[in-house]
Amino acid sequence: MSDALPETARPPAPLSEKGFYLEEFRGRTVGIAAPASELRGLLELGEVLGELERNGTSVLVLAGNRADLERLQAKPVVGAEVERLEGAVYRGLLDSPRVGLLASSDAAIPALARQVALRLSLRKLVILDPEGGLRRETGVRDSFVDLAELRMLLDGGAPLETARRRELLGEIREALEAGLPACNLCTGAGLHSELFTYAGSGTLFTRERYIDVRRLGIDDYDAACDLIQRGVEEGYLAPRSESEIDEVLAAGFGAFVEGRHLAGIGALLSYPGDRSGEVASLYTLTRFVGEGVGAHLVRHALARAGEQGLRYVFACTTSEGVASFFERQGFGRVPRERVAAEKWRAYDPERLLRVQCLRRDL
C-alpha cells in the first residue's frame, strides 16, 4: 500500500500531474490573494500566472499595493471594494486574462478575499500566507481539511495558530459555509506545487469530504497505471507484467475525492480454487495520507469478497508500515503457506524472502 493519483494529458501524450490540474482550471477563473511579503521578488508567481494564462485560465490577483499588481501585469487594476465589482471585473477580463484587485491594506486581504470569492462565485480561491498551510502538533502538514474539521479546529481554539492566523482561518470557514467549493492556503514559494502537484505544499480546504469507492473505468486506467508504477518505484508494490497489470485493472477500484479526484486504487484478485481473494496494488495518493482513503479501499475489497462468497482475504507486502496498516484493518500475520498457493507461482525469489502475508477470515 501507499499513495498516488491520475495524470492528465492531451492525447497521445501520457497524463501528467500538472496536466490533470490544468484541465480542471481550463476555462475558469482562479482568485489569488496575497500580502506584499508573498509577492515581491517572487519569480514563481509570475511563472504560475503565465502557465494559467496559456491554459485558458483567468486569474484575479488581490493585493494591497498597486505597484505589485502592475509588476505582475495584472491589469486593469480594480478596487476590491467598489460597489459594482462584478461588472468591473467582467469588463477587465474581456481585455486581459489577469485582473488586479486592489485592497486598502494587507490586513484587509483575508476578509476581502472571502467577499470577492463569494460575490463572483469563484470555484477556486488561493490565499498566500508566509506561514503556509496547517500543521499538526507533530509538525506534519494537514494537506486536506474539510469544513467540519475546520470548525472543530477553530472551536477548539486552534492551539498551534496565532490570533492572526485564527482570523484568517475564520474567513476561510465563512467562505466555505457561504458556498465556496475550495480554498488553498500556502506560501507564495509553494504556489506552483500546491496548484499543480498531487502532494501539494499547503492545505486544501473543501466544503465536504467526498470519498466514493467504485470500480475503475476505462478513463481511469492511465491514472491507475501511474499509481502502480509509482508504487513499484517506491518499493511498496511488486513489479507486474503487462498481463498482470491488465488483471489488476479489470479487478480494480478507486477512491475518488469530491467525486472526481482519484486519491487511491486497489484490486481484489480472486483465487477460485482456494475461495480466497488478494487485496493487490493498494496505493493511495500522498496528499490524502491520514484521510482514511486506504481504509475505505480495504472495506470495499472486503465487501466485494463477501458478495463473492470467499472464505478469506489476504495481502502481501515487503513494507512493515503497510503490514501494520493491514493489521489495523483486522488482518493477522500468517506464514505464506496459509494463503493461496497459486499466489507464489513465478513469484520473484528475492522478494519472496522478504514478503509478509496478512489474512482476514470472512
Protein backbone atom coordinates (compact mmCIF):
# COMPACT_ATOMS: atom_id res chain seq x y z
CA MET A 1 0.00 0.00 0.00
CA SER A 2 0.99 3.63 -0.36
CA ASP A 3 -0.12 6.70 -2.33
CA ALA A 4 -0.88 8.31 -5.81
CA LEU A 5 -3.40 9.76 -8.47
CA PRO A 6 -4.25 10.35 -12.12
CA GLU A 7 -2.28 12.11 -14.74
CA THR A 8 -3.99 14.17 -17.35
CA ALA A 9 -2.71 14.93 -20.78
CA ARG A 10 -3.90 15.53 -24.23
CA PRO A 11 -3.68 12.52 -26.49
CA PRO A 12 -1.44 10.92 -27.39
CA ALA A 13 0.88 12.11 -24.61
CA PRO A 14 0.64 10.33 -21.24
CA LEU A 15 -1.11 12.09 -18.39
CA SER A 16 0.84 14.33 -16.01
CA GLU A 17 0.16 15.80 -12.60
CA LYS A 18 0.24 19.35 -13.92
CA GLY A 19 -1.94 18.39 -16.87
CA PHE A 20 -4.58 16.98 -14.53
CA TYR A 21 -4.93 20.29 -12.70
CA LEU A 22 -4.60 22.47 -15.79
CA GLU A 23 -7.52 20.58 -17.28
CA GLU A 24 -9.51 21.30 -14.12
CA PHE A 25 -8.69 25.04 -14.27
CA ARG A 26 -9.21 25.49 -18.02
CA GLY A 27 -11.96 27.96 -18.86
CA ARG A 28 -12.36 29.02 -15.21
CA THR A 29 -11.31 31.99 -13.10
CA VAL A 30 -8.97 31.50 -10.14
CA GLY A 31 -8.58 34.03 -7.35
CA ILE A 32 -5.15 34.52 -5.73
CA ALA A 33 -4.89 36.73 -2.65
CA ALA A 34 -1.51 37.71 -1.25
CA PRO A 35 0.16 40.16 1.14
CA ALA A 36 3.17 42.11 -0.10
CA SER A 37 5.59 39.71 1.60
CA GLU A 38 4.45 36.90 -0.68
CA LEU A 39 4.50 38.97 -3.88
CA ARG A 40 7.73 40.91 -4.00
CA GLY A 41 10.78 39.30 -5.53
CA LEU A 42 8.83 36.14 -6.26
CA LEU A 43 9.54 34.89 -9.76
CA GLU A 44 7.46 31.76 -9.20
CA LEU A 45 4.20 33.69 -9.05
CA GLY A 46 4.73 35.26 -12.46
CA GLU A 47 5.56 31.83 -13.89
CA VAL A 48 2.38 30.32 -12.44
CA LEU A 49 0.29 33.16 -13.83
CA GLY A 50 1.86 32.60 -17.24
CA GLU A 51 1.05 28.88 -17.18
CA LEU A 52 -2.54 29.54 -16.18
CA GLU A 53 -2.89 32.18 -18.90
CA ARG A 54 -1.59 29.80 -21.59
CA ASN A 55 -4.03 27.24 -20.27
CA GLY A 56 -7.03 29.48 -20.89
CA THR A 57 -7.48 30.25 -17.18
CA SER A 58 -8.28 33.77 -15.98
CA VAL A 59 -6.71 34.99 -12.74
CA LEU A 60 -7.75 37.67 -10.26
CA VAL A 61 -4.83 38.82 -8.11
CA LEU A 62 -5.80 40.55 -4.85
CA ALA A 63 -3.06 42.60 -3.21
CA GLY A 64 -2.61 45.72 -1.10
CA ASN A 65 -0.11 47.50 -3.36
CA ARG A 66 -0.83 48.73 -6.89
CA ALA A 67 2.84 48.55 -7.92
CA ASP A 68 2.93 44.82 -7.10
CA LEU A 69 -0.12 44.20 -9.26
CA GLU A 70 1.28 46.17 -12.17
CA ARG A 71 4.62 44.38 -11.91
CA LEU A 72 2.71 41.09 -12.30
CA GLN A 73 0.93 42.61 -15.33
CA ALA A 74 -2.38 42.21 -13.52
CA LYS A 75 -4.14 44.97 -15.45
CA PRO A 76 -6.51 46.66 -15.27
CA VAL A 77 -6.43 47.26 -11.53
CA VAL A 78 -9.88 47.43 -9.93
CA GLY A 79 -10.68 48.50 -6.39
CA ALA A 80 -11.65 45.36 -4.46
CA GLU A 81 -14.36 47.26 -2.60
CA VAL A 82 -16.07 49.05 -5.49
CA GLU A 83 -19.85 48.87 -5.48
CA ARG A 84 -20.24 47.12 -8.85
CA LEU A 85 -17.27 44.79 -8.63
CA GLU A 86 -18.91 42.14 -10.80
CA GLY A 87 -19.20 44.35 -13.87
CA ALA A 88 -15.79 45.93 -13.42
CA VAL A 89 -14.08 42.53 -13.22
CA TYR A 90 -16.07 41.18 -16.16
CA ARG A 91 -15.03 44.08 -18.41
CA GLY A 92 -11.45 43.78 -17.23
CA LEU A 93 -11.32 40.10 -18.14
CA LEU A 94 -12.55 40.90 -21.64
CA ASP A 95 -9.28 42.75 -22.21
CA SER A 96 -6.85 40.72 -20.11
CA PRO A 97 -6.62 37.24 -18.54
CA ARG A 98 -5.13 38.86 -15.43
CA VAL A 99 -7.02 41.45 -13.44
CA GLY A 100 -5.65 43.13 -10.34
CA LEU A 101 -7.86 43.76 -7.31
CA LEU A 102 -6.52 46.45 -5.01
CA ALA A 103 -7.11 46.08 -1.27
CA SER A 104 -6.86 49.01 1.12
CA SER A 105 -4.13 47.19 3.09
CA ASP A 106 -2.57 43.76 3.61
CA ALA A 107 -4.59 43.42 6.82
CA ALA A 108 -7.83 43.71 4.83
CA ILE A 109 -6.93 40.93 2.37
CA PRO A 110 -8.41 37.87 4.20
CA ALA A 111 -11.87 39.42 4.56
CA LEU A 112 -11.77 40.88 1.04
CA ALA A 113 -10.67 37.54 -0.42
CA ARG A 114 -13.77 35.93 1.09
CA GLN A 115 -16.05 38.72 -0.12
CA VAL A 116 -14.64 38.74 -3.66
CA ALA A 117 -14.79 34.95 -3.98
CA LEU A 118 -18.44 34.89 -2.94
CA ARG A 119 -19.53 37.92 -4.95
CA LEU A 120 -18.00 36.47 -8.12
CA SER A 121 -18.93 32.84 -7.29
CA LEU A 122 -15.36 31.66 -7.79
CA ARG A 123 -14.81 27.92 -7.66
CA LYS A 124 -11.19 28.24 -6.54
CA LEU A 125 -9.57 30.72 -4.16
CA VAL A 126 -5.89 30.59 -3.22
CA ILE A 127 -4.61 32.55 -0.23
CA LEU A 128 -0.87 33.02 0.07
CA ASP A 129 0.49 33.35 3.58
CA PRO A 130 4.08 33.32 4.90
CA GLU A 131 3.20 30.51 7.33
CA GLY A 132 1.79 28.28 4.60
CA GLY A 133 -0.72 25.51 5.30
CA LEU A 134 -1.84 23.99 8.57
CA ARG A 135 0.40 21.72 10.62
CA ARG A 136 -0.41 19.29 13.40
CA GLU A 137 1.35 19.21 16.76
CA THR A 138 3.74 16.62 15.34
CA GLY A 139 4.77 19.08 12.63
CA VAL A 140 3.08 17.04 9.89
CA ARG A 141 1.25 19.16 7.33
CA ASP A 142 -2.53 18.85 7.11
CA SER A 143 -2.86 18.74 3.35
CA PHE A 144 -6.63 18.23 3.18
CA VAL A 145 -9.19 19.69 5.62
CA ASP A 146 -12.95 19.73 5.20
CA LEU A 147 -15.36 22.26 6.70
CA ALA A 148 -16.36 20.03 9.61
CA GLU A 149 -12.71 19.59 10.63
CA LEU A 150 -12.02 23.30 10.27
CA ARG A 151 -14.96 24.09 12.54
CA MET A 152 -13.63 21.70 15.19
CA LEU A 153 -10.16 23.21 14.90
CA LEU A 154 -11.43 26.75 15.37
CA ASP A 155 -13.91 25.84 18.10
CA GLY A 156 -11.03 24.20 19.95
CA GLY A 157 -9.03 27.42 19.81
CA ALA A 158 -6.63 26.34 17.03
CA PRO A 159 -3.81 25.98 19.61
CA LEU A 160 -0.98 25.95 17.06
CA GLU A 161 -2.14 29.11 15.33
CA THR A 162 -1.62 32.78 16.18
CA ALA A 163 -4.53 35.20 16.56
CA ARG A 164 -3.81 36.50 13.05
CA ARG A 165 -3.94 33.00 11.61
CA ARG A 166 -7.12 32.12 13.51
CA GLU A 167 -8.73 35.19 11.95
CA LEU A 168 -7.56 34.04 8.51
CA LEU A 169 -8.93 30.53 9.10
CA GLY A 170 -12.19 32.09 10.27
CA GLU A 171 -12.52 33.88 6.93
CA ILE A 172 -11.90 30.61 5.09
CA ARG A 173 -14.57 28.90 7.21
CA GLU A 174 -17.09 31.65 6.47
CA ALA A 175 -16.33 31.41 2.75
CA LEU A 176 -16.87 27.65 2.73
CA GLU A 177 -20.06 27.95 4.77
CA ALA A 178 -21.37 30.50 2.29
CA GLY A 179 -20.76 28.25 -0.71
CA LEU A 180 -17.11 28.50 -1.83
CA PRO A 181 -16.23 24.95 -3.00
CA ALA A 182 -12.49 25.04 -2.24
CA CYS A 183 -9.71 27.23 -0.89
CA ASN A 184 -5.97 26.59 -0.88
CA LEU A 185 -3.66 28.06 1.77
CA CYS A 186 0.08 28.02 1.01
CA THR A 187 3.20 30.17 0.74
CA GLY A 188 3.98 32.11 -2.41
CA ALA A 189 7.05 29.95 -2.99
CA GLY A 190 4.89 26.83 -2.73
CA LEU A 191 2.15 28.01 -5.10
CA HIS A 192 3.31 26.02 -8.12
CA SER A 193 3.47 22.80 -6.10
CA GLU A 194 0.12 23.46 -4.42
CA LEU A 195 -1.70 24.07 -7.69
CA PHE A 196 -0.01 21.58 -9.98
CA THR A 197 1.10 18.54 -7.95
CA TYR A 198 -0.72 15.79 -6.11
CA ALA A 199 1.35 16.20 -2.94
CA GLY A 200 0.80 19.96 -2.80
CA SER A 201 2.65 22.30 -0.44
CA GLY A 202 -0.10 23.75 1.75
CA THR A 203 -3.63 22.89 2.82
CA LEU A 204 -6.67 22.37 0.60
CA PHE A 205 -9.92 23.29 2.37
CA THR A 206 -13.23 21.97 0.98
CA ARG A 207 -16.87 22.26 1.98
CA GLU A 208 -17.29 18.49 2.24
CA ARG A 209 -15.13 15.41 2.02
CA TYR A 210 -16.42 13.07 -0.66
CA ILE A 211 -14.75 9.68 -0.71
CA ASP A 212 -16.54 7.42 -3.12
CA VAL A 213 -15.08 3.99 -3.90
CA ARG A 214 -16.13 2.49 -7.22
CA ARG A 215 -14.89 0.22 -9.95
CA LEU A 216 -12.27 1.73 -12.25
CA GLY A 217 -13.46 2.69 -15.72
CA ILE A 218 -11.50 2.95 -18.94
CA ASP A 219 -10.93 6.67 -18.37
CA ASP A 220 -9.26 5.90 -15.03
CA TYR A 221 -6.73 3.39 -16.38
CA ASP A 222 -3.99 5.92 -17.18
CA ALA A 223 -4.15 7.18 -13.61
CA ALA A 224 -4.22 3.66 -12.19
CA CYS A 225 -1.18 2.60 -14.21
CA ASP A 226 0.66 5.67 -12.97
CA LEU A 227 -0.14 4.73 -9.38
CA ILE A 228 1.02 1.17 -9.87
CA GLN A 229 4.29 2.37 -11.39
CA ARG A 230 4.85 4.78 -8.51
CA GLY A 231 4.21 2.03 -6.00
CA VAL A 232 6.73 -0.23 -7.72
CA GLU A 233 9.36 2.53 -7.88
CA GLU A 234 8.90 3.28 -4.18
CA GLY A 235 9.14 -0.40 -3.27
CA TYR A 236 5.59 -0.75 -1.95
CA LEU A 237 4.28 -2.86 -4.82
CA ALA A 238 5.74 -5.87 -6.56
CA PRO A 239 6.65 -5.39 -10.24
CA ARG A 240 3.95 -6.74 -12.56
CA SER A 241 3.98 -7.86 -16.16
CA GLU A 242 1.64 -6.29 -18.71
CA SER A 243 -0.80 -9.18 -18.39
CA GLU A 244 -0.72 -8.92 -14.60
CA ILE A 245 -1.41 -5.17 -14.79
CA ASP A 246 -4.34 -5.93 -17.09
CA GLU A 247 -5.67 -8.30 -14.43
CA VAL A 248 -5.39 -5.58 -11.79
CA LEU A 249 -7.18 -3.04 -13.99
CA ALA A 250 -10.02 -5.47 -14.69
CA ALA A 251 -10.49 -6.11 -10.96
CA GLY A 252 -9.57 -2.59 -9.85
CA PHE A 253 -11.45 0.03 -7.88
CA GLY A 254 -10.60 3.59 -6.92
CA ALA A 255 -11.29 6.05 -4.12
CA PHE A 256 -12.48 9.34 -5.59
CA VAL A 257 -12.44 12.52 -3.54
CA GLU A 258 -15.16 15.05 -4.38
CA GLY A 259 -16.40 12.62 -7.00
CA ARG A 260 -13.50 13.04 -9.43
CA HIS A 261 -10.08 13.28 -7.78
CA LEU A 262 -8.62 9.77 -7.75
CA ALA A 263 -6.96 9.52 -4.34
CA GLY A 264 -6.12 5.80 -4.32
CA ILE A 265 -6.58 2.48 -6.03
CA GLY A 266 -6.74 -1.20 -5.21
CA ALA A 267 -7.88 -4.51 -6.66
CA LEU A 268 -9.38 -7.75 -5.39
CA LEU A 269 -7.80 -10.68 -7.25
CA SER A 270 -9.76 -13.91 -6.86
CA TYR A 271 -8.30 -17.41 -6.40
CA PRO A 272 -11.37 -19.62 -7.07
CA GLY A 273 -9.65 -22.89 -6.24
CA ASP A 274 -8.96 -21.64 -2.75
CA ARG A 275 -12.07 -19.43 -2.45
CA SER A 276 -9.86 -16.54 -1.44
CA GLY A 277 -9.07 -13.05 -2.65
CA GLU A 278 -5.97 -10.88 -2.57
CA VAL A 279 -6.05 -7.16 -1.93
CA ALA A 280 -3.48 -6.12 -4.53
CA SER A 281 -1.87 -2.90 -5.79
CA LEU A 282 -3.27 -0.87 -2.90
CA TYR A 283 -1.76 2.57 -3.27
CA THR A 284 -3.01 5.97 -2.10
CA LEU A 285 -2.04 9.48 -3.10
CA THR A 286 0.40 11.13 -0.70
CA ARG A 287 -1.81 14.19 -0.33
CA PHE A 288 -4.55 12.05 1.21
CA VAL A 289 -2.47 10.10 3.73
CA GLY A 290 -4.33 10.31 7.02
CA GLU A 291 -7.65 10.89 5.27
CA GLY A 292 -8.76 7.25 5.61
CA VAL A 293 -8.54 6.52 1.89
CA GLY A 294 -6.68 3.24 2.39
CA ALA A 295 -9.25 2.05 4.92
CA HIS A 296 -12.08 2.91 2.52
CA LEU A 297 -10.41 0.81 -0.18
CA VAL A 298 -9.95 -2.17 2.13
CA ARG A 299 -13.57 -2.02 3.30
CA HIS A 300 -14.66 -2.01 -0.34
CA ALA A 301 -12.49 -5.06 -1.06
CA LEU A 302 -13.94 -6.91 1.94
CA ALA A 303 -17.49 -6.12 0.82
CA ARG A 304 -16.77 -7.45 -2.67
CA ALA A 305 -15.18 -10.57 -1.21
CA GLY A 306 -18.28 -11.19 0.88
CA GLU A 307 -20.50 -10.80 -2.18
CA GLN A 308 -18.38 -13.41 -3.98
CA GLY A 309 -18.65 -15.88 -1.09
CA LEU A 310 -14.90 -16.01 -0.44
CA ARG A 311 -13.54 -17.69 2.70
CA TYR A 312 -10.80 -15.18 3.41
CA VAL A 313 -8.90 -12.19 2.03
CA PHE A 314 -5.15 -11.72 2.19
CA ALA A 315 -2.48 -9.16 1.35
CA CYS A 316 1.26 -9.43 0.76
CA THR A 317 3.87 -6.74 1.32
CA THR A 318 7.55 -6.17 2.00
CA SER A 319 6.84 -2.97 3.94
CA GLU A 320 6.48 -3.07 7.72
CA GLY A 321 4.38 0.11 7.59
CA VAL A 322 1.97 -1.47 5.13
CA ALA A 323 1.78 -4.64 7.21
CA SER A 324 0.88 -2.55 10.26
CA PHE A 325 -1.81 -0.78 8.22
CA PHE A 326 -3.46 -4.10 7.36
CA GLU A 327 -3.31 -5.19 10.99
CA ARG A 328 -5.28 -2.06 11.86
CA GLN A 329 -7.90 -3.23 9.34
CA GLY A 330 -8.35 -6.54 11.19
CA PHE A 331 -5.82 -8.68 9.30
CA GLY A 332 -3.43 -11.02 11.10
CA ARG A 333 0.10 -12.01 10.10
CA VAL A 334 0.36 -15.56 8.80
CA PRO A 335 3.05 -17.72 7.12
CA ARG A 336 2.82 -17.70 3.33
CA GLU A 337 1.61 -21.32 3.38
CA ARG A 338 -1.70 -20.02 4.75
CA VAL A 339 -2.59 -18.05 1.62
CA ALA A 340 -3.43 -19.31 -1.87
CA ALA A 341 -0.58 -21.45 -3.24
CA GLU A 342 -1.23 -20.06 -6.72
CA LYS A 343 0.00 -16.70 -5.47
CA TRP A 344 3.59 -17.96 -5.43
CA ARG A 345 3.81 -19.28 -8.98
CA ALA A 346 6.63 -17.46 -10.81
CA TYR A 347 6.99 -15.12 -7.81
CA ASP A 348 10.28 -13.21 -7.53
CA PRO A 349 12.58 -15.39 -5.32
CA GLU A 350 14.39 -12.39 -3.86
CA ARG A 351 11.15 -10.66 -2.90
CA LEU A 352 9.78 -13.95 -1.52
CA LEU A 353 12.48 -13.86 1.18
CA ARG A 354 11.15 -10.52 2.44
CA VAL A 355 7.42 -10.79 1.88
CA GLN A 356 4.93 -10.69 4.76
CA CYS A 357 1.45 -12.17 4.48
CA LEU A 358 -1.64 -10.92 6.23
CA ARG A 359 -5.00 -12.67 6.28
CA ARG A 360 -8.53 -11.86 7.37
CA ASP A 361 -11.12 -14.65 7.51
CA LEU A 362 -14.64 -13.80 6.42
